[in-house]
């Protein structure tokens, strides 16, 4: 198993993958002494170059600048999801015919389209009127 690289080791590996200090400097539009300062650990790689170095070298931004791009550690152990309704498998809506509401008496005076059918009121064409 490979050990985790420090930021200085990560930039050194990225520079090697990119073809050396001079090639890295050309690719990023900086001077070779700037790249040398990154490799020796005198200063961290500038935030504006991290993503470009990651793209060119394949070295993760999380290794190059963990202070700016921390590794995803997942949710905090104190975080607990709150699941409601459908997420718990308790659907508030049912499409089964047996669970359809049926009224014992029609809504008198509220919906002239309601009719008696099989001892229950059913709504014909378009829902209840307010």
C-alpha atoms as a PDB file:
ATOM      1  CA  UNK A   1       0.000   0.000   0.000  1.00  0.00           C
ATOM      2  CA  UNK A   2       1.317   3.400  -0.963  1.00  0.00           C
ATOM      3  CA  UNK A   3       1.712   5.989   1.782  1.00  0.00           C
ATOM      4  CA  UNK A   4       0.115   9.402   1.573  1.00  0.00           C
ATOM      5  CA  UNK A   5       2.337  12.087   0.055  1.00  0.00           C
ATOM      6  CA  UNK A   6       3.085  15.359   1.805  1.00  0.00           C
ATOM      7  CA  UNK A   7       2.333  18.520  -0.217  1.00  0.00           C
ATOM      8  CA  UNK A   8       6.051  18.976  -0.988  1.00  0.00           C
ATOM      9  CA  UNK A   9       6.384  15.348  -2.135  1.00  0.00           C
ATOM     10  CA  UNK A  10       3.183  15.699  -4.187  1.00  0.00           C
ATOM     11  CA  UNK A  11       4.443  18.779  -6.051  1.00  0.00           C
ATOM     12  CA  UNK A  12       7.816  17.104  -6.629  1.00  0.00           C
ATOM     13  CA  UNK A  13       6.067  14.089  -8.146  1.00  0.00           C
ATOM     14  CA  UNK A  14       3.812  16.336 -10.238  1.00  0.00           C
ATOM     15  CA  UNK A  15       6.839  18.230 -11.566  1.00  0.00           C
ATOM     16  CA  UNK A  16       8.520  14.934 -12.467  1.00  0.00           C
ATOM     17  CA  UNK A  17       5.395  13.744 -14.301  1.00  0.00           C
ATOM     18  CA  UNK A  18       5.170  17.057 -16.172  1.00  0.00           C
ATOM     19  CA  UNK A  19       8.760  16.733 -17.449  1.00  0.00           C
ATOM     20  CA  UNK A  20      10.836  18.631 -14.923  1.00  0.00           C
ATOM     21  CA  UNK A  21      10.975  22.102 -13.452  1.00  0.00           C
ATOM     22  CA  UNK A  22      11.584  23.961 -16.697  1.00  0.00           C
ATOM     23  CA  UNK A  23       8.730  22.169 -18.535  1.00  0.00           C
ATOM     24  CA  UNK A  24       6.388  22.745 -15.585  1.00  0.00           C
ATOM     25  CA  UNK A  25       7.285  26.416 -15.499  1.00  0.00           C
ATOM     26  CA  UNK A  26       6.610  26.770 -19.233  1.00  0.00           C
ATOM     27  CA  UNK A  27       3.294  24.915 -18.980  1.00  0.00           C
ATOM     28  CA  UNK A  28       2.111  27.144 -16.126  1.00  0.00           C
ATOM     29  CA  UNK A  29       3.578  30.435 -17.346  1.00  0.00           C
ATOM     30  CA  UNK A  30       5.810  30.921 -14.297  1.00  0.00           C
ATOM     31  CA  UNK A  31       9.572  31.010 -13.886  1.00  0.00           C
ATOM     32  CA  UNK A  32      11.685  27.941 -13.112  1.00  0.00           C
ATOM     33  CA  UNK A  33      12.820  29.432  -9.770  1.00  0.00           C
ATOM     34  CA  UNK A  34       9.157  29.636  -8.727  1.00  0.00           C
ATOM     35  CA  UNK A  35       8.736  25.918  -9.391  1.00  0.00           C
ATOM     36  CA  UNK A  36      11.993  25.257  -7.516  1.00  0.00           C
ATOM     37  CA  UNK A  37      10.592  27.097  -4.444  1.00  0.00           C
ATOM     38  CA  UNK A  38       7.489  24.845  -4.580  1.00  0.00           C
ATOM     39  CA  UNK A  39       9.590  21.673  -4.885  1.00  0.00           C
ATOM     40  CA  UNK A  40      11.921  22.620  -2.020  1.00  0.00           C
ATOM     41  CA  UNK A  41       8.967  23.571   0.188  1.00  0.00           C
ATOM     42  CA  UNK A  42       9.943  27.224   0.590  1.00  0.00           C
ATOM     43  CA  UNK A  43       6.404  28.201  -0.345  1.00  0.00           C
ATOM     44  CA  UNK A  44       3.302  26.189  -1.269  1.00  0.00           C
ATOM     45  CA  UNK A  45       2.086  26.006  -4.837  1.00  0.00           C
ATOM     46  CA  UNK A  46      -0.076  29.014  -5.558  1.00  0.00           C
ATOM     47  CA  UNK A  47      -3.816  28.347  -5.383  1.00  0.00           C
ATOM     48  CA  UNK A  48      -4.263  29.600  -8.944  1.00  0.00           C
ATOM     49  CA  UNK A  49      -2.063  26.775 -10.293  1.00  0.00           C
ATOM     50  CA  UNK A  50      -3.288  23.804  -8.242  1.00  0.00           C
ATOM     51  CA  UNK A  51      -6.047  22.718 -10.631  1.00  0.00           C
ATOM     52  CA  UNK A  52      -3.831  23.147 -13.687  1.00  0.00           C
ATOM     53  CA  UNK A  53      -1.084  21.027 -12.123  1.00  0.00           C
ATOM     54  CA  UNK A  54      -3.660  18.406 -11.146  1.00  0.00           C
ATOM     55  CA  UNK A  55      -4.990  18.265 -14.705  1.00  0.00           C
ATOM     56  CA  UNK A  56      -1.526  18.077 -16.271  1.00  0.00           C
ATOM     57  CA  UNK A  57       0.030  15.594 -13.835  1.00  0.00           C
ATOM     58  CA  UNK A  58      -2.831  13.562 -12.410  1.00  0.00           C
ATOM     59  CA  UNK A  59      -1.665  14.351  -8.851  1.00  0.00           C
ATOM     60  CA  UNK A  60      -4.716  15.135  -6.743  1.00  0.00           C
ATOM     61  CA  UNK A  61      -5.412  18.683  -5.582  1.00  0.00           C
ATOM     62  CA  UNK A  62      -6.055  17.163  -2.151  1.00  0.00           C
ATOM     63  CA  UNK A  63      -2.380  16.178  -1.996  1.00  0.00           C
ATOM     64  CA  UNK A  64      -0.989  19.360  -3.554  1.00  0.00           C
ATOM     65  CA  UNK A  65      -2.837  21.771  -1.253  1.00  0.00           C
ATOM     66  CA  UNK A  66      -4.740  19.982   1.517  1.00  0.00           C
ATOM     67  CA  UNK A  67      -5.279  23.330   3.260  1.00  0.00           C
ATOM     68  CA  UNK A  68      -7.368  24.582   0.317  1.00  0.00           C
ATOM     69  CA  UNK A  69      -8.773  21.254  -0.927  1.00  0.00           C
ATOM     70  CA  UNK A  70      -9.215  18.972   2.099  1.00  0.00           C
ATOM     71  CA  UNK A  71      -9.863  15.308   1.395  1.00  0.00           C
ATOM     72  CA  UNK A  72     -13.511  14.323   1.571  1.00  0.00           C
ATOM     73  CA  UNK A  73     -13.888  12.582   4.897  1.00  0.00           C
ATOM     74  CA  UNK A  74     -17.624  12.080   4.571  1.00  0.00           C
ATOM     75  CA  UNK A  75     -20.250  13.413   6.939  1.00  0.00           C
ATOM     76  CA  UNK A  76     -19.469  14.099  10.571  1.00  0.00           C
ATOM     77  CA  UNK A  77     -20.222  11.200  12.943  1.00  0.00           C
ATOM     78  CA  UNK A  78     -22.617  13.562  14.750  1.00  0.00           C
ATOM     79  CA  UNK A  79     -24.605  14.049  11.554  1.00  0.00           C
ATOM     80  CA  UNK A  80     -27.703  11.897  11.421  1.00  0.00           C
ATOM     81  CA  UNK A  81     -30.076  11.975   8.482  1.00  0.00           C
ATOM     82  CA  UNK A  82     -33.729  12.643   9.056  1.00  0.00           C
ATOM     83  CA  UNK A  83     -35.823  10.405   6.840  1.00  0.00           C
ATOM     84  CA  UNK A  84     -39.484  11.137   6.350  1.00  0.00           C
ATOM     85  CA  UNK A  85     -42.399   9.783   4.345  1.00  0.00           C
ATOM     86  CA  UNK A  86     -41.469   7.859   1.233  1.00  0.00           C
ATOM     87  CA  UNK A  87     -37.839   7.522   2.343  1.00  0.00           C
ATOM     88  CA  UNK A  88     -38.928   5.244   5.190  1.00  0.00           C
ATOM     89  CA  UNK A  89     -41.140   3.210   2.914  1.00  0.00           C
ATOM     90  CA  UNK A  90     -44.212   4.810   4.436  1.00  0.00           C
ATOM     91  CA  UNK A  91     -45.878   6.238   1.396  1.00  0.00           C
ATOM     92  CA  UNK A  92     -48.571   8.787   2.258  1.00  0.00           C
ATOM     93  CA  UNK A  93     -50.128   8.178  -1.141  1.00  0.00           C
ATOM     94  CA  UNK A  94     -51.549   4.877  -2.287  1.00  0.00           C
ATOM     95  CA  UNK A  95     -52.619   3.964  -5.770  1.00  0.00           C
ATOM     96  CA  UNK A  96     -54.482   0.844  -4.742  1.00  0.00           C
ATOM     97  CA  UNK A  97     -58.177   0.820  -5.542  1.00  0.00           C
ATOM     98  CA  UNK A  98     -59.089  -0.417  -2.059  1.00  0.00           C
ATOM     99  CA  UNK A  99     -57.591   2.652  -0.416  1.00  0.00           C
ATOM    100  CA  UNK A 100     -59.507   5.221  -2.498  1.00  0.00           C
ATOM    101  CA  UNK A 101     -61.628   7.457  -0.297  1.00  0.00           C
ATOM    102  CA  UNK A 102     -65.319   6.951  -0.690  1.00  0.00           C
ATOM    103  CA  UNK A 103     -67.922   9.188   0.860  1.00  0.00           C
ATOM    104  CA  UNK A 104     -71.089   7.781   2.398  1.00  0.00           C
ATOM    105  CA  UNK A 105     -73.066  10.824   1.296  1.00  0.00           C
ATOM    106  CA  UNK A 106     -72.585  13.241  -1.588  1.00  0.00           C
ATOM    107  CA  UNK A 107     -71.420  16.781  -0.968  1.00  0.00           C
ATOM    108  CA  UNK A 108     -74.772  18.511  -1.164  1.00  0.00           C
ATOM    109  CA  UNK A 109     -74.739  21.892  -2.813  1.00  0.00           C
ATOM    110  CA  UNK A 110     -70.957  21.917  -3.250  1.00  0.00           C
ATOM    111  CA  UNK A 111     -70.568  19.896  -6.435  1.00  0.00           C
ATOM    112  CA  UNK A 112     -73.510  19.455  -8.770  1.00  0.00           C
ATOM    113  CA  UNK A 113     -71.631  16.728 -10.697  1.00  0.00           C
ATOM    114  CA  UNK A 114     -71.484  14.315  -7.741  1.00  0.00           C
ATOM    115  CA  UNK A 115     -73.704  11.252  -8.222  1.00  0.00           C
ATOM    116  CA  UNK A 116     -74.632   8.219  -6.154  1.00  0.00           C
ATOM    117  CA  UNK A 117     -72.972   5.002  -7.283  1.00  0.00           C
ATOM    118  CA  UNK A 118     -72.786   1.747  -5.344  1.00  0.00           C
ATOM    119  CA  UNK A 119     -73.760   3.485  -2.090  1.00  0.00           C
ATOM    120  CA  UNK A 120     -70.885   5.961  -2.296  1.00  0.00           C
ATOM    121  CA  UNK A 121     -70.503   9.365  -3.868  1.00  0.00           C
ATOM    122  CA  UNK A 122     -68.220   9.537  -6.877  1.00  0.00           C
ATOM    123  CA  UNK A 123     -67.084  12.665  -8.624  1.00  0.00           C
ATOM    124  CA  UNK A 124     -67.823  12.837 -12.323  1.00  0.00           C
ATOM    125  CA  UNK A 125     -65.462  14.882 -14.496  1.00  0.00           C
ATOM    126  CA  UNK A 126     -62.931  17.020 -12.780  1.00  0.00           C
ATOM    127  CA  UNK A 127     -62.944  17.021  -8.964  1.00  0.00           C
ATOM    128  CA  UNK A 128     -64.764  18.757  -6.185  1.00  0.00           C
ATOM    129  CA  UNK A 129     -65.823  22.366  -6.551  1.00  0.00           C
ATOM    130  CA  UNK A 130     -65.024  24.768  -3.733  1.00  0.00           C
END
